[in-house]
């Protein structure tokens, strides 16, 4: 089956050895008292929810975060063990499934907290604190409600966390605000502890929070993009330097090679016009597979036979065209669109996006092939 998939029109290769390497790098950089919550929402950032999570279990990761109830159930049905935290909203009527599949629900705001406390369900939860992001969470000022949640007999509070909204920026005003968020969070922790309340597990840093504020010590760090070996270009000069390896590669087949004359155009809208006679190739991948259409006309690079070529014309739903210059290319050759010398961060920069958005958009038509050395005891 593996060999058959490698002959398909387009596919993703996931190097799980690189995933393990990145996990080990991160573990060496954090406190020995801090554990990793592996963020596997959005199909593990395009890498494959179940396969990645199974491998993480195999290498000793037993804490996961997802966005939805459905993702959590999928993990349990596929044998994933450990803690699974749901970041997002789950309707109160579905709490029976949170309990049945032994999941942990986030208390997403004040109204949600009251509904949970009024319900008849004994639910495991983490409390989300809004320290300034103003997305989800209970206001850091609402100490009375936070205390009430901890004391409520219906809820089993296992942790408390917040989200830093400008942690990828080193602008002075953003650094000041991030430090204010951190202070607000730990002020709440101190207040609760002084009331002899067991706050449970604490976590405040996502991947970029770890990069810029490694001195902040909690029970957990929430690791998504770093685990997958991506590093948003916006995150410059982090305090914590990590040597990470990309986990994912996107490849496709060359399906046609032809020569066009000077003045001829290529693709929809005729946005590319040849300035001289040149060779072009067609590759079997397009925006329906998650390769962004807004890369059209931006001279984004790809790799064919170890050499760099340029995408030309308007990217189509199922195919795209490449100026192959003087590269020797034939039908059936492989083009690498993400990976090798064209990292997800580089392609995302051309798309004026972030690497994690690019990876999350990779479609289900792309077969995923998992490569790794057998884990031995």
Protein backbone atom coordinates (compact mmCIF):
# COMPACT_ATOMS: atom_id res chain seq x y z
CA UNK A 1 0.00 0.00 0.00
CA UNK A 2 2.85 2.40 0.86
CA UNK A 3 4.42 1.92 -2.55
CA UNK A 4 1.06 2.49 -4.23
CA UNK A 5 0.50 5.76 -2.38
CA UNK A 6 3.96 6.95 -3.38
CA UNK A 7 2.81 6.65 -6.99
CA UNK A 8 -0.28 8.82 -6.42
CA UNK A 9 -0.86 12.27 -7.92
CA UNK A 10 0.07 14.18 -4.76
CA UNK A 11 0.80 13.24 -1.19
CA UNK A 12 2.23 14.23 2.18
CA UNK A 13 5.19 12.54 3.84
CA UNK A 14 5.29 12.79 7.62
CA UNK A 15 8.67 12.06 9.18
CA UNK A 16 7.84 10.87 12.67
CA UNK A 17 11.52 10.52 13.54
CA UNK A 18 11.77 14.30 13.13
CA UNK A 19 8.71 14.68 15.37
CA UNK A 20 10.47 12.66 18.06
CA UNK A 21 13.64 14.71 17.59
CA UNK A 22 11.69 17.96 18.07
CA UNK A 23 10.00 16.64 21.19
CA UNK A 24 13.37 15.73 22.66
CA UNK A 25 14.74 19.20 21.82
CA UNK A 26 11.80 20.85 23.56
CA UNK A 27 12.05 18.58 26.60
CA UNK A 28 15.70 19.52 27.05
CA UNK A 29 14.78 23.22 26.94
CA UNK A 30 12.04 23.22 29.57
CA UNK A 31 12.10 22.65 33.30
CA UNK A 32 12.27 19.07 34.46
CA UNK A 33 9.06 19.83 36.37
CA UNK A 34 7.21 20.89 33.20
CA UNK A 35 5.39 18.52 30.85
CA UNK A 36 4.30 18.95 27.25
CA UNK A 37 0.70 19.23 26.16
CA UNK A 38 0.83 18.15 22.52
CA UNK A 39 -1.56 20.30 20.52
CA UNK A 40 -3.06 18.01 17.88
CA UNK A 41 -6.14 20.00 16.89
CA UNK A 42 -6.93 20.63 13.22
CA UNK A 43 -5.75 17.17 12.19
CA UNK A 44 -2.48 17.72 14.06
CA UNK A 45 -1.83 20.85 11.99
CA UNK A 46 -2.33 18.83 8.83
CA UNK A 47 -0.01 16.01 9.88
CA UNK A 48 -2.73 13.48 10.80
CA UNK A 49 -4.56 13.49 14.15
CA UNK A 50 -4.61 9.79 14.93
CA UNK A 51 -1.25 8.73 13.51
CA UNK A 52 0.65 11.57 15.16
CA UNK A 53 -1.07 11.06 18.50
CA UNK A 54 -0.42 7.32 18.48
CA UNK A 55 3.25 7.95 17.83
CA UNK A 56 3.39 10.55 20.60
CA UNK A 57 1.88 7.99 22.99
CA UNK A 58 4.60 5.55 21.88
CA UNK A 59 7.35 8.02 22.80
CA UNK A 60 5.87 8.91 26.19
CA UNK A 61 3.54 11.87 25.60
CA UNK A 62 0.28 11.47 27.53
CA UNK A 63 -1.20 14.97 27.45
CA UNK A 64 -3.05 16.27 24.40
CA UNK A 65 -5.12 19.29 23.39
CA UNK A 66 -7.83 19.40 20.74
CA UNK A 67 -10.31 22.04 19.64
CA UNK A 68 -13.51 20.02 19.54
CA UNK A 69 -15.38 17.21 21.23
CA UNK A 70 -15.29 15.24 17.98
CA UNK A 71 -11.49 15.37 17.86
CA UNK A 72 -11.30 14.12 21.44
CA UNK A 73 -13.67 11.24 20.76
CA UNK A 74 -11.68 10.29 17.67
CA UNK A 75 -8.53 10.03 19.77
CA UNK A 76 -10.20 7.82 22.36
CA UNK A 77 -11.79 5.56 19.74
CA UNK A 78 -8.33 5.04 18.31
CA UNK A 79 -6.80 4.02 21.60
CA UNK A 80 -5.04 7.22 22.67
CA UNK A 81 -4.34 7.22 26.40
CA UNK A 82 -3.68 10.12 28.76
CA UNK A 83 -5.30 13.50 29.31
CA UNK A 84 -7.19 15.09 26.42
CA UNK A 85 -8.14 18.75 26.91
CA UNK A 86 -10.80 20.33 24.71
CA UNK A 87 -9.90 23.98 24.09
CA UNK A 88 -13.21 24.96 22.50
CA UNK A 89 -16.91 25.13 23.28
CA UNK A 90 -18.93 21.95 23.83
CA UNK A 91 -22.68 22.25 24.20
CA UNK A 92 -23.88 21.39 27.71
CA UNK A 93 -26.19 18.73 26.28
CA UNK A 94 -23.10 16.85 25.05
CA UNK A 95 -21.34 16.67 28.41
CA UNK A 96 -22.34 13.01 28.68
CA UNK A 97 -19.85 12.32 25.88
CA UNK A 98 -17.11 14.33 27.58
CA UNK A 99 -17.61 12.04 30.58
CA UNK A 100 -18.03 8.83 28.56
CA UNK A 101 -14.77 9.37 26.68
CA UNK A 102 -12.90 10.70 29.73
CA UNK A 103 -12.15 14.12 28.23
CA UNK A 104 -11.39 17.44 29.92
CA UNK A 105 -13.56 20.42 29.01
CA UNK A 106 -12.40 24.04 29.08
CA UNK A 107 -14.63 26.46 31.00
CA UNK A 108 -14.80 29.00 28.18
CA UNK A 109 -16.54 31.95 29.89
CA UNK A 110 -18.71 33.11 32.77
CA UNK A 111 -22.04 32.04 31.32
CA UNK A 112 -20.68 28.65 30.41
CA UNK A 113 -19.33 28.18 33.93
CA UNK A 114 -22.76 28.83 35.45
CA UNK A 115 -24.44 26.41 33.06
CA UNK A 116 -21.89 23.73 33.89
CA UNK A 117 -22.34 24.25 37.61
CA UNK A 118 -26.12 24.05 37.25
CA UNK A 119 -25.92 20.83 35.25
CA UNK A 120 -26.10 17.34 36.69
CA UNK A 121 -22.82 16.26 35.08
CA UNK A 122 -19.61 15.61 36.98
CA UNK A 123 -17.16 16.93 34.41
CA UNK A 124 -13.38 17.26 34.41
CA UNK A 125 -12.44 20.83 33.49
CA UNK A 126 -9.66 23.35 33.09
CA UNK A 127 -10.59 26.97 33.74
CA UNK A 128 -9.62 29.40 30.99
CA UNK A 129 -8.73 32.86 32.31
CA UNK A 130 -9.11 35.94 30.12
CA UNK A 131 -6.08 38.05 31.00
CA UNK A 132 -6.48 40.42 28.07
CA UNK A 133 -6.90 38.47 24.86
CA UNK A 134 -10.68 38.98 25.08
CA UNK A 135 -11.53 35.85 23.15
CA UNK A 136 -12.48 33.06 25.57
CA UNK A 137 -12.10 32.81 29.29
CA UNK A 138 -13.38 34.11 32.59
CA UNK A 139 -12.17 37.60 33.38
CA UNK A 140 -9.12 37.72 35.62
CA UNK A 141 -11.07 40.26 37.69
CA UNK A 142 -13.88 37.80 38.45
CA UNK A 143 -12.12 36.15 41.36
CA UNK A 144 -15.37 35.29 43.13
CA UNK A 145 -16.62 33.17 40.21
CA UNK A 146 -13.25 31.45 39.82
CA UNK A 147 -13.35 30.48 43.50
CA UNK A 148 -16.94 29.31 43.10
CA UNK A 149 -15.97 27.02 40.24
CA UNK A 150 -13.24 25.41 42.33
CA UNK A 151 -15.62 24.85 45.23
CA UNK A 152 -18.45 23.51 43.09
CA UNK A 153 -19.08 19.82 43.72
CA UNK A 154 -20.27 19.19 40.17
CA UNK A 155 -16.99 20.13 38.52
CA UNK A 156 -13.65 18.38 38.89
CA UNK A 157 -11.20 21.23 38.27
CA UNK A 158 -7.88 19.79 37.09
CA UNK A 159 -6.19 22.95 35.87
CA UNK A 160 -6.22 26.64 35.07
CA UNK A 161 -4.69 28.42 32.08
CA UNK A 162 -4.60 31.54 29.96
CA UNK A 163 -3.51 32.53 26.46
CA UNK A 164 -0.97 35.24 25.63
CA UNK A 165 -2.17 37.27 22.65
CA UNK A 166 0.98 39.14 21.53
CA UNK A 167 3.65 36.69 22.51
CA UNK A 168 5.13 36.49 19.01
CA UNK A 169 5.97 40.22 19.03
CA UNK A 170 9.00 41.96 20.50
CA UNK A 171 7.55 45.44 20.09
CA UNK A 172 7.91 47.24 23.40
CA UNK A 173 4.19 47.80 23.88
CA UNK A 174 3.47 44.12 23.17
CA UNK A 175 6.16 42.94 25.57
CA UNK A 176 4.71 45.19 28.26
CA UNK A 177 1.23 43.81 27.64
CA UNK A 178 2.44 40.19 27.63
CA UNK A 179 4.17 40.71 30.96
CA UNK A 180 0.94 42.25 32.28
CA UNK A 181 -0.99 39.16 31.18
CA UNK A 182 1.54 36.92 32.91
CA UNK A 183 1.27 38.98 36.10
CA UNK A 184 -2.54 38.88 36.04
CA UNK A 185 -2.47 35.11 35.68
CA UNK A 186 -0.02 34.45 38.51
CA UNK A 187 -1.80 36.96 40.74
CA UNK A 188 -4.90 34.77 40.44
CA UNK A 189 -2.87 31.66 41.24
CA UNK A 190 -1.47 33.35 44.36
CA UNK A 191 -4.92 34.44 45.52
CA UNK A 192 -6.32 30.93 45.11
CA UNK A 193 -3.41 29.29 46.89
CA UNK A 194 -3.74 31.70 49.81
CA UNK A 195 -7.31 30.45 50.15
CA UNK A 196 -5.92 26.88 50.32
CA UNK A 197 -7.43 26.03 46.95
CA UNK A 198 -5.66 23.35 44.96
CA UNK A 199 -5.41 25.08 41.58
CA UNK A 200 -4.44 21.92 39.69
CA UNK A 201 -2.17 22.07 36.66
CA UNK A 202 -1.02 25.46 35.40
CA UNK A 203 -0.16 26.44 31.82
CA UNK A 204 0.34 29.75 30.11
CA UNK A 205 2.80 29.27 27.24
CA UNK A 206 2.08 28.12 23.72
CA UNK A 207 4.97 27.49 21.31
CA UNK A 208 5.85 31.16 20.87
CA UNK A 209 5.37 31.84 24.55
CA UNK A 210 8.05 29.25 25.23
CA UNK A 211 10.39 30.83 22.67
CA UNK A 212 10.17 34.37 24.06
CA UNK A 213 9.43 33.71 27.75
CA UNK A 214 11.23 30.47 28.64
CA UNK A 215 11.81 31.77 32.16
CA UNK A 216 8.09 31.36 32.97
CA UNK A 217 7.65 28.01 34.71
CA UNK A 218 4.31 26.19 34.82
CA UNK A 219 3.22 22.57 35.02
CA UNK A 220 2.71 22.42 31.26
CA UNK A 221 3.70 24.07 28.01
CA UNK A 222 1.26 23.79 25.10
CA UNK A 223 3.30 22.86 22.05
CA UNK A 224 1.89 22.93 18.53
CA UNK A 225 3.93 24.52 15.75
CA UNK A 226 7.31 23.90 17.38
CA UNK A 227 6.53 20.21 17.69
CA UNK A 228 5.95 20.08 13.95
CA UNK A 229 9.20 21.91 13.23
CA UNK A 230 7.74 25.14 11.93
CA UNK A 231 8.81 28.59 13.03
CA UNK A 232 6.79 31.60 11.99
CA UNK A 233 9.06 34.25 10.41
CA UNK A 234 7.43 36.85 12.65
CA UNK A 235 9.12 35.28 15.65
CA UNK A 236 12.56 36.82 15.40
CA UNK A 237 15.43 36.59 17.87
CA UNK A 238 13.72 34.38 20.44
CA UNK A 239 15.35 33.99 23.85
CA UNK A 240 15.15 30.23 23.47
CA UNK A 241 17.01 28.82 20.47
CA UNK A 242 15.80 25.43 19.32
CA UNK A 243 17.23 23.22 16.59
CA UNK A 244 14.05 21.83 15.01
CA UNK A 245 13.39 19.68 11.96
CA UNK A 246 10.36 19.98 9.65
CA UNK A 247 8.09 16.98 10.03
CA UNK A 248 5.95 17.37 6.91
CA UNK A 249 6.74 17.36 3.19
CA UNK A 250 4.27 17.91 0.34
CA UNK A 251 5.03 16.27 -3.01
CA UNK A 252 3.30 15.83 -6.37
CA UNK A 253 3.87 14.21 -9.74
CA UNK A 254 4.84 15.96 -12.95
CA UNK A 255 2.11 15.05 -15.44
CA UNK A 256 3.11 17.03 -18.51
CA UNK A 257 6.21 18.71 -19.96
CA UNK A 258 6.08 21.07 -22.93
CA UNK A 259 7.81 24.00 -24.62
CA UNK A 260 6.08 27.33 -25.19
CA UNK A 261 7.18 30.17 -27.42
CA UNK A 262 7.99 33.75 -26.51
CA UNK A 263 4.78 35.75 -25.99
CA UNK A 264 2.58 32.75 -25.16
CA UNK A 265 0.59 32.81 -21.93
CA UNK A 266 0.00 30.13 -19.30
CA UNK A 267 -3.18 29.31 -17.37
CA UNK A 268 -6.38 31.08 -16.40
CA UNK A 269 -6.46 34.84 -16.81
CA UNK A 270 -3.23 34.75 -18.86
CA UNK A 271 -1.37 36.34 -15.94
CA UNK A 272 1.93 34.78 -17.03
CA UNK A 273 3.44 35.64 -20.42
CA UNK A 274 6.69 34.05 -21.58
CA UNK A 275 9.44 36.58 -22.24
CA UNK A 276 11.36 33.94 -24.19
CA UNK A 277 10.99 30.39 -25.33
CA UNK A 278 10.89 28.14 -22.28
CA UNK A 279 10.02 24.72 -20.93
CA UNK A 280 7.13 24.33 -18.54
CA UNK A 281 5.74 21.41 -16.56
CA UNK A 282 2.35 20.67 -15.04
CA UNK A 283 2.13 19.23 -11.52
CA UNK A 284 -0.84 17.29 -10.14
CA UNK A 285 -1.70 19.47 -7.16
CA UNK A 286 -3.82 22.61 -6.72
CA UNK A 287 -5.73 24.80 -4.32
CA UNK A 288 -8.30 22.04 -3.63
CA UNK A 289 -5.41 20.19 -2.00
CA UNK A 290 -4.61 23.20 0.17
CA UNK A 291 -1.84 24.79 -1.88
CA UNK A 292 -2.92 28.45 -1.66
CA UNK A 293 -4.35 30.05 -4.80
CA UNK A 294 -3.02 33.43 -3.66
CA UNK A 295 0.50 32.17 -4.41
CA UNK A 296 -0.34 32.71 -8.09
CA UNK A 297 2.07 35.10 -9.77
CA UNK A 298 4.42 35.36 -6.80
CA UNK A 299 7.32 33.29 -8.15
CA UNK A 300 7.11 30.83 -5.29
CA UNK A 301 9.85 28.19 -5.54
CA UNK A 302 9.51 24.41 -5.72
CA UNK A 303 12.15 21.70 -5.98
CA UNK A 304 12.42 19.25 -8.89
CA UNK A 305 15.29 16.77 -9.12
CA UNK A 306 17.20 18.70 -6.48
CA UNK A 307 16.94 22.03 -8.33
CA UNK A 308 14.80 25.09 -7.77
CA UNK A 309 12.00 25.99 -10.20
CA UNK A 310 9.22 28.59 -10.08
CA UNK A 311 5.42 28.24 -10.06
CA UNK A 312 3.91 30.30 -12.87
CA UNK A 313 0.42 31.33 -13.94
CA UNK A 314 -2.71 31.05 -11.85
CA UNK A 315 -2.84 28.05 -9.52
CA UNK A 316 -5.79 25.85 -10.50
CA UNK A 317 -8.06 23.69 -8.37
CA UNK A 318 -6.22 20.46 -9.18
CA UNK A 319 -3.01 21.39 -11.02
CA UNK A 320 -0.37 24.06 -11.29
CA UNK A 321 2.31 25.02 -13.80
CA UNK A 322 6.04 25.40 -13.31
CA UNK A 323 8.83 27.12 -15.23
CA UNK A 324 11.39 24.32 -15.21
CA UNK A 325 14.13 26.45 -16.81
CA UNK A 326 17.01 24.18 -17.85
CA UNK A 327 16.17 21.35 -15.46
CA UNK A 328 15.89 17.89 -16.98
CA UNK A 329 12.30 16.90 -16.15
CA UNK A 330 10.08 14.09 -17.40
CA UNK A 331 6.53 12.94 -16.72
CA UNK A 332 6.41 11.04 -13.43
CA UNK A 333 9.16 13.06 -11.75
CA UNK A 334 8.46 14.36 -8.25
CA UNK A 335 8.12 18.03 -7.32
CA UNK A 336 8.47 19.09 -3.70
CA UNK A 337 6.19 22.02 -2.84
CA UNK A 338 6.75 22.11 0.92
CA UNK A 339 9.87 20.62 2.47
CA UNK A 340 13.54 20.36 1.56
CA UNK A 341 14.64 23.91 0.62
CA UNK A 342 11.08 25.25 0.47
CA UNK A 343 9.96 25.11 4.08
CA UNK A 344 6.40 25.72 5.25
CA UNK A 345 7.59 29.00 6.74
CA UNK A 346 9.00 30.14 3.39
CA UNK A 347 5.86 29.22 1.43
CA UNK A 348 3.65 30.83 4.08
CA UNK A 349 5.71 34.01 3.79
CA UNK A 350 5.01 34.12 0.05
CA UNK A 351 1.31 33.67 0.87
CA UNK A 352 1.46 36.41 3.53
CA UNK A 353 0.23 33.89 6.05
CA UNK A 354 1.60 31.75 8.86
CA UNK A 355 3.01 28.26 8.51
CA UNK A 356 0.40 26.72 10.79
CA UNK A 357 -2.43 28.12 8.63
CA UNK A 358 -0.78 26.73 5.52
CA UNK A 359 -0.40 23.28 7.06
CA UNK A 360 -3.92 23.19 8.50
CA UNK A 361 -5.34 23.86 5.04
CA UNK A 362 -3.74 20.79 3.46
CA UNK A 363 -6.62 18.73 2.15
CA UNK A 364 -7.85 15.19 2.60
CA UNK A 365 -7.11 14.36 -1.06
CA UNK A 366 -3.44 14.29 -0.11
CA UNK A 367 -2.51 10.81 1.07
CA UNK A 368 -0.34 10.86 4.19
CA UNK A 369 2.63 8.51 4.31
CA UNK A 370 4.26 8.02 7.73
CA UNK A 371 7.95 7.24 7.89
CA UNK A 372 9.85 6.31 11.03
CA UNK A 373 12.34 3.93 12.52
CA UNK A 374 10.79 1.24 14.67
CA UNK A 375 10.73 2.28 18.33
CA UNK A 376 12.65 -0.15 20.52
CA UNK A 377 12.66 -0.42 24.27
